[in-house]
Amino acid sequence: MNARILTAATLAVAFTGVLPARAADPKLVALVMPDAVVVAGVNVDQAKATPFGQYVLNQIQSTQDQKLQELMTLAGFDPTKDVSELLVASNSVGKGSPGGLCLGTGTFDTAKITAAATNGGGTTETYNKVTIIEDAKQTHGVAFLGSTLVIAGDLASVKAAIDQQGSAASIPSTLAVQINHWSTTSDAWSISNVPLSSLQPPQTAPNVPGLSGQGPFQSIQSAAGGVKFGNSVVVTAQAVADNAPDAKTVADTLTLLASLAQLQAAKDPAIASLAQAVQIGAQGSNVNVSLSIPEDQFEQILKSGNKSAAPHRATRKM
């Protein structure tokens, strides 16, 4: 599972929400691979209640591994509609990564989904007493542990998760603490324990100098953040640099970028207001970013971004 599927959730952390966030479901956390380096989660029920939450869900779905997406379509299964909570994890990043896991809780008609998949050309395999729905090439699969828990991803990861069912969480305690913190303060969250330079942003991401891991940002070794959905969006993120001086350099660079964005007020007032609202600072080796903005204003910024991206897409087709 390429780390791109986590990019949308890696933006942020908390704001005044309609419903209180809850800790990630222990049943899902227990199925995460022990060597996971990137983990993200979404409280889907809460996300469905707000426009921005729906946007995050759409971003996660649109950047999923293509084979996994095709298999889910074949099975008549939509994680953004059929799932109450979603957890995604990967133990590798970049183009060469073999895949990862998409875990969810909800209510599933397993017989109907299995029939739809096999009628559409999919195959099934029984592994450790669990039926796995597989694509034609048998590289990706979807498995249901009862009618309330689903596992999807590359076949090796799915089988490994099946082997882990019923066991206690096998992830490192430090990662478990991070998951508990971000999932209880956010409705959408992400944790990356790999250097920023190793992550591959989606093709639609804005080209911000340095965010590819070069320049001052190459010192960032890990990052985490989340979003809590409500009438006001308060976004908080934290990155860990090599040392305190590097953290200050990163914070100063981000502050400069925000100041430059404010100068664009005449061209795009929405982006300028976003830059004005962001708070950036360094504490030791940590870089802290927070943002508070009304949800309707955030929607305007998203719409503005989509409009500005359209001409570029058209140009590439010519």
Protein backbone atom coordinates (compact mmCIF):
# COMPACT_ATOMS: atom_id res chain seq x y z
CA MET A 1 0.00 0.00 0.00
CA ASN A 2 1.72 3.16 -1.16
CA ALA A 3 2.08 5.87 1.48
CA ARG A 4 0.06 8.18 -0.81
CA ILE A 5 -3.17 6.79 0.62
CA LEU A 6 -2.29 8.40 3.92
CA THR A 7 -1.42 11.86 2.66
CA ALA A 8 -4.86 13.40 3.19
CA ALA A 9 -4.98 12.36 6.82
CA THR A 10 -1.37 13.39 7.48
CA LEU A 11 -2.38 17.06 7.31
CA ALA A 12 -3.65 17.53 10.81
CA VAL A 13 -5.16 17.04 14.35
CA ALA A 14 -8.03 18.48 16.46
CA PHE A 15 -10.96 20.96 16.43
CA THR A 16 -14.33 21.57 18.04
CA GLY A 17 -16.37 18.64 16.82
CA VAL A 18 -19.96 17.53 16.74
CA LEU A 19 -19.15 14.22 18.47
CA PRO A 20 -16.26 13.31 20.76
CA ALA A 21 -13.50 11.28 19.15
CA ARG A 22 -12.99 7.73 20.36
CA ALA A 23 -9.90 5.60 20.58
CA ALA A 24 -9.11 3.36 17.61
CA ASP A 25 -10.90 0.02 17.88
CA PRO A 26 -8.52 -2.44 19.62
CA LYS A 27 -9.73 -5.21 17.26
CA LEU A 28 -8.38 -3.22 14.31
CA VAL A 29 -5.13 -2.20 16.02
CA ALA A 30 -4.48 -5.87 16.87
CA LEU A 31 -4.43 -6.70 13.14
CA VAL A 32 -1.82 -4.07 12.19
CA MET A 33 1.49 -5.62 11.12
CA PRO A 34 4.20 -5.47 13.83
CA ASP A 35 6.61 -3.55 11.59
CA ALA A 36 4.13 -0.90 10.39
CA VAL A 37 5.78 2.45 9.61
CA VAL A 38 2.70 4.37 8.46
CA VAL A 39 -0.72 4.11 10.10
CA ALA A 40 -3.83 6.24 9.61
CA GLY A 41 -7.43 6.07 10.76
CA VAL A 42 -10.79 7.68 10.11
CA ASN A 43 -13.91 7.75 12.27
CA VAL A 44 -16.09 7.20 9.21
CA ASP A 45 -19.41 7.70 11.02
CA GLN A 46 -18.30 11.16 12.13
CA ALA A 47 -16.72 11.98 8.79
CA LYS A 48 -19.97 11.31 6.93
CA ALA A 49 -21.65 14.05 8.99
CA THR A 50 -19.57 16.92 7.60
CA PRO A 51 -18.53 18.08 4.10
CA PHE A 52 -14.86 18.22 5.05
CA GLY A 53 -15.02 14.72 6.48
CA GLN A 54 -16.49 13.45 3.22
CA TYR A 55 -13.65 15.16 1.38
CA VAL A 56 -11.04 13.32 3.47
CA LEU A 57 -12.79 10.00 2.84
CA ASN A 58 -12.88 10.66 -0.89
CA GLN A 59 -9.16 11.51 -0.88
CA ILE A 60 -8.29 8.25 0.87
CA GLN A 61 -10.48 6.27 -1.52
CA SER A 62 -9.20 8.01 -4.65
CA THR A 63 -5.53 7.38 -3.77
CA GLN A 64 -5.90 3.73 -2.82
CA ASP A 65 -3.93 1.08 -4.63
CA GLN A 66 -5.65 0.59 -8.02
CA LYS A 67 -5.83 -3.21 -7.73
CA LEU A 68 -7.36 -2.96 -4.27
CA GLN A 69 -9.89 -0.44 -5.55
CA GLU A 70 -10.83 -2.70 -8.47
CA LEU A 71 -11.31 -5.65 -6.13
CA MET A 72 -13.57 -3.66 -3.81
CA THR A 73 -15.63 -2.50 -6.79
CA LEU A 74 -15.88 -6.10 -7.98
CA ALA A 75 -17.11 -7.16 -4.55
CA GLY A 76 -19.68 -4.38 -4.37
CA PHE A 77 -17.92 -3.11 -1.24
CA ASP A 78 -17.37 0.60 -0.51
CA PRO A 79 -15.33 1.27 2.66
CA THR A 80 -16.49 4.89 2.79
CA LYS A 81 -20.14 3.80 3.00
CA ASP A 82 -20.18 0.35 4.57
CA VAL A 83 -17.60 0.99 7.30
CA SER A 84 -17.95 2.72 10.69
CA GLU A 85 -14.22 3.00 11.32
CA LEU A 86 -11.32 2.70 8.92
CA LEU A 87 -7.68 1.94 9.68
CA VAL A 88 -4.94 1.71 7.04
CA ALA A 89 -1.36 0.60 7.62
CA SER A 90 1.79 -0.12 5.65
CA ASN A 91 5.19 -1.48 6.54
CA SER A 92 6.85 0.02 3.46
CA VAL A 93 6.64 3.18 1.40
CA GLY A 94 7.41 4.31 -2.14
CA LYS A 95 6.66 2.95 -5.58
CA GLY A 96 8.25 -0.42 -4.92
CA SER A 97 6.22 -1.17 -1.80
CA PRO A 98 4.29 -4.45 -2.06
CA GLY A 99 1.12 -3.18 -0.42
CA GLY A 100 -0.51 -2.92 2.99
CA LEU A 101 -3.73 -3.24 4.91
CA CYS A 102 -7.09 -1.53 4.92
CA LEU A 103 -9.05 -2.56 8.04
CA GLY A 104 -12.57 -1.61 8.97
CA THR A 105 -15.52 -2.21 11.26
CA GLY A 106 -19.12 -1.91 10.12
CA THR A 107 -22.06 -4.05 9.04
CA PHE A 108 -21.44 -6.31 6.05
CA ASP A 109 -23.58 -8.70 4.04
CA THR A 110 -20.72 -11.12 3.46
CA ALA A 111 -22.74 -13.61 1.41
CA LYS A 112 -23.97 -10.90 -0.97
CA ILE A 113 -20.53 -9.36 -1.32
CA THR A 114 -18.89 -12.74 -1.97
CA ALA A 115 -21.50 -13.65 -4.58
CA ALA A 116 -21.08 -10.30 -6.34
CA ALA A 117 -17.32 -10.75 -6.45
CA THR A 118 -17.36 -14.30 -7.84
CA ASN A 119 -20.03 -13.41 -10.39
CA GLY A 120 -17.81 -10.57 -11.54
CA GLY A 121 -14.80 -12.77 -12.14
CA GLY A 122 -13.22 -12.83 -8.71
CA THR A 123 -12.06 -15.99 -6.98
CA THR A 124 -12.17 -17.21 -3.40
CA GLU A 125 -9.73 -19.05 -1.20
CA THR A 126 -10.19 -20.52 2.25
CA TYR A 127 -7.26 -19.65 4.49
CA ASN A 128 -7.16 -20.59 8.17
CA LYS A 129 -10.95 -21.13 8.04
CA VAL A 130 -11.53 -17.64 6.57
CA THR A 131 -12.79 -17.00 3.03
CA ILE A 132 -10.66 -14.53 1.09
CA ILE A 133 -12.15 -12.85 -2.00
CA GLU A 134 -9.31 -12.36 -4.49
CA ASP A 135 -8.78 -10.53 -7.76
CA ALA A 136 -8.16 -12.52 -10.93
CA LYS A 137 -4.37 -12.38 -10.52
CA GLN A 138 -4.65 -13.39 -6.85
CA THR A 139 -2.48 -10.51 -5.68
CA HIS A 140 -5.04 -8.67 -3.51
CA GLY A 141 -7.85 -9.87 -1.30
CA VAL A 142 -10.77 -8.96 0.95
CA ALA A 143 -11.67 -11.08 3.98
CA PHE A 144 -14.45 -10.73 6.55
CA LEU A 145 -13.93 -11.82 10.15
CA GLY A 146 -17.62 -12.26 10.90
CA SER A 147 -20.13 -9.66 9.73
CA THR A 148 -18.57 -6.63 11.42
CA LEU A 149 -14.85 -6.64 10.57
CA VAL A 150 -13.16 -6.51 7.15
CA ILE A 151 -9.55 -6.87 6.04
CA ALA A 152 -8.38 -5.80 2.58
CA GLY A 153 -5.01 -5.37 0.91
CA ASP A 154 -2.26 -7.35 -0.77
CA LEU A 155 -2.75 -11.07 -0.26
CA ALA A 156 0.29 -11.64 1.94
CA SER A 157 -0.74 -8.84 4.31
CA VAL A 158 -4.33 -10.09 4.47
CA LYS A 159 -3.20 -13.62 5.37
CA ALA A 160 -0.81 -12.28 8.01
CA ALA A 161 -3.67 -10.28 9.56
CA ILE A 162 -5.88 -13.38 9.60
CA ASP A 163 -3.13 -15.23 11.46
CA GLN A 164 -3.05 -12.42 14.04
CA GLN A 165 -6.78 -12.44 14.82
CA GLY A 166 -7.55 -13.12 18.44
CA SER A 167 -4.09 -12.01 19.53
CA ALA A 168 -3.11 -8.90 21.44
CA ALA A 169 -1.72 -5.96 19.47
CA SER A 170 1.81 -6.80 18.32
CA ILE A 171 2.90 -3.27 17.36
CA PRO A 172 5.59 -1.49 19.40
CA SER A 173 4.31 0.20 22.56
CA THR A 174 5.49 3.60 21.30
CA LEU A 175 3.31 3.29 18.20
CA ALA A 176 0.37 2.07 20.31
CA VAL A 177 0.68 5.19 22.48
CA GLN A 178 0.72 7.40 19.38
CA ILE A 179 -2.36 5.70 17.93
CA ASN A 180 -4.23 6.12 21.21
CA HIS A 181 -3.33 9.81 21.43
CA TRP A 182 -4.22 10.81 17.89
CA SER A 183 -7.33 8.65 17.60
CA THR A 184 -8.80 10.05 20.85
CA THR A 185 -8.22 13.66 19.81
CA SER A 186 -9.07 13.39 16.12
CA ASP A 187 -11.62 12.01 13.69
CA ALA A 188 -9.04 11.55 10.92
CA TRP A 189 -5.40 11.03 11.83
CA SER A 190 -2.12 9.71 10.51
CA ILE A 191 1.24 8.68 11.89
CA SER A 192 4.40 8.32 9.82
CA ASN A 193 7.52 6.92 11.49
CA VAL A 194 9.69 7.27 8.41
CA PRO A 195 11.65 10.30 7.12
CA LEU A 196 9.62 12.78 5.08
CA SER A 197 11.97 12.28 2.14
CA SER A 198 10.87 8.63 1.79
CA LEU A 199 7.18 9.45 1.35
CA GLN A 200 5.75 9.87 -2.14
CA PRO A 201 3.11 12.63 -2.35
CA PRO A 202 0.14 12.17 -4.72
CA GLN A 203 0.42 13.61 -8.21
CA THR A 204 -2.30 16.14 -7.36
CA ALA A 205 -0.40 17.52 -4.34
CA PRO A 206 0.83 21.13 -4.67
CA ASN A 207 4.50 21.54 -5.51
CA VAL A 208 5.85 23.15 -2.36
CA PRO A 209 9.65 23.56 -2.40
CA GLY A 210 11.30 21.42 0.26
CA LEU A 211 8.31 19.26 1.14
CA SER A 212 9.75 16.42 -0.93
CA GLY A 213 12.29 15.96 1.84
CA GLN A 214 14.95 18.23 0.36
CA GLY A 215 16.36 21.40 1.91
CA PRO A 216 15.41 22.08 5.55
CA PHE A 217 12.70 19.44 5.50
CA GLN A 218 15.12 16.56 4.97
CA SER A 219 15.77 16.59 8.73
CA ILE A 220 12.19 15.51 9.52
CA GLN A 221 12.30 11.90 10.72
CA SER A 222 8.65 11.36 11.66
CA ALA A 223 5.33 13.20 11.68
CA ALA A 224 1.79 12.83 12.92
CA GLY A 225 -1.45 14.76 12.83
CA GLY A 226 -5.21 14.60 12.57
CA VAL A 227 -8.50 16.40 12.01
CA LYS A 228 -11.63 16.54 14.14
CA PHE A 229 -14.75 17.29 12.13
CA GLY A 230 -17.15 20.06 13.17
CA ASN A 231 -18.30 23.60 12.44
CA SER A 232 -14.73 24.83 13.01
CA VAL A 233 -11.69 22.98 11.73
CA VAL A 234 -8.73 23.05 14.11
CA VAL A 235 -5.79 21.30 12.47
CA THR A 236 -2.74 20.31 14.52
CA ALA A 237 0.33 18.43 13.37
CA GLN A 238 3.70 17.59 14.85
CA ALA A 239 6.94 16.70 13.11
CA VAL A 240 10.14 15.48 14.74
CA ALA A 241 13.43 16.77 13.35
CA ASP A 242 16.96 15.50 13.96
CA ASN A 243 17.65 18.14 16.61
CA ALA A 244 16.42 21.45 18.06
CA PRO A 245 18.30 23.72 15.57
CA ASP A 246 16.87 21.75 12.62
CA ALA A 247 13.38 21.97 14.12
CA LYS A 248 13.69 25.76 14.40
CA THR A 249 14.87 25.95 10.78
CA VAL A 250 11.87 23.93 9.62
CA ALA A 251 9.48 26.11 11.67
CA ASP A 252 11.05 29.30 10.31
CA THR A 253 10.76 27.99 6.74
CA LEU A 254 7.09 27.09 7.22
CA THR A 255 6.48 30.56 8.71
CA LEU A 256 8.12 32.14 5.68
CA LEU A 257 5.96 30.08 3.32
CA ALA A 258 2.85 31.18 5.24
CA SER A 259 3.93 34.82 4.98
CA LEU A 260 4.45 34.47 1.24
CA ALA A 261 0.98 32.97 0.93
CA GLN A 262 -0.51 35.97 2.70
CA LEU A 263 0.97 38.18 -0.01
CA GLN A 264 -1.30 36.38 -2.48
CA ALA A 265 -4.40 37.91 -0.85
CA ALA A 266 -5.33 39.85 -3.97
CA LYS A 267 -5.18 36.72 -6.14
CA ASP A 268 -6.71 34.24 -3.70
CA PRO A 269 -8.19 35.64 -0.45
CA ALA A 270 -9.14 32.14 0.73
CA ILE A 271 -5.54 30.92 0.70
CA ALA A 272 -4.38 34.12 2.37
CA SER A 273 -6.87 33.68 5.21
CA LEU A 274 -5.67 30.12 5.67
CA ALA A 275 -2.07 31.32 5.94
CA GLN A 276 -3.08 33.94 8.49
CA ALA A 277 -4.79 31.37 10.69
CA VAL A 278 -1.91 28.91 10.92
CA GLN A 279 0.27 28.85 14.04
CA ILE A 280 3.82 27.45 13.74
CA GLY A 281 6.46 26.93 16.40
CA ALA A 282 9.35 24.75 17.52
CA GLN A 283 9.86 23.15 20.93
CA GLY A 284 13.02 21.14 21.26
CA SER A 285 13.24 18.85 18.24
CA ASN A 286 9.46 19.06 17.63
CA VAL A 287 7.81 21.29 15.05
CA ASN A 288 4.20 22.11 15.98
CA VAL A 289 1.58 23.38 13.54
CA SER A 290 -2.02 24.27 14.36
CA LEU A 291 -4.85 25.85 12.42
CA SER A 292 -8.37 26.96 13.27
CA ILE A 293 -10.76 27.91 10.50
CA PRO A 294 -14.54 27.72 9.90
CA GLU A 295 -15.54 24.66 7.89
CA ASP A 296 -17.36 26.64 5.20
CA GLN A 297 -14.24 28.72 4.64
CA PHE A 298 -12.19 25.54 4.36
CA GLU A 299 -14.61 24.31 1.71
CA GLN A 300 -14.02 27.48 -0.30
CA ILE A 301 -10.29 26.85 -0.19
CA LEU A 302 -10.78 23.28 -1.42
CA LYS A 303 -13.01 24.43 -4.26
CA SER A 304 -10.46 27.10 -5.18
CA GLY A 305 -7.73 24.46 -5.29
CA ASN A 306 -9.79 22.18 -7.54
CA LYS A 307 -10.45 25.01 -9.98
CA SER A 308 -6.79 25.98 -10.18
CA ALA A 309 -5.78 22.34 -10.80
CA ALA A 310 -8.20 21.83 -13.70
CA PRO A 311 -6.21 23.79 -16.34
CA HIS A 312 -3.07 21.84 -15.47
CA ARG A 313 -4.87 18.54 -16.02
CA ALA A 314 -6.16 19.80 -19.36
CA THR A 315 -2.66 20.87 -20.39
CA ARG A 316 -1.23 17.41 -19.70
CA LYS A 317 -3.81 15.81 -22.01
CA MET A 318 -2.90 17.97 -24.98
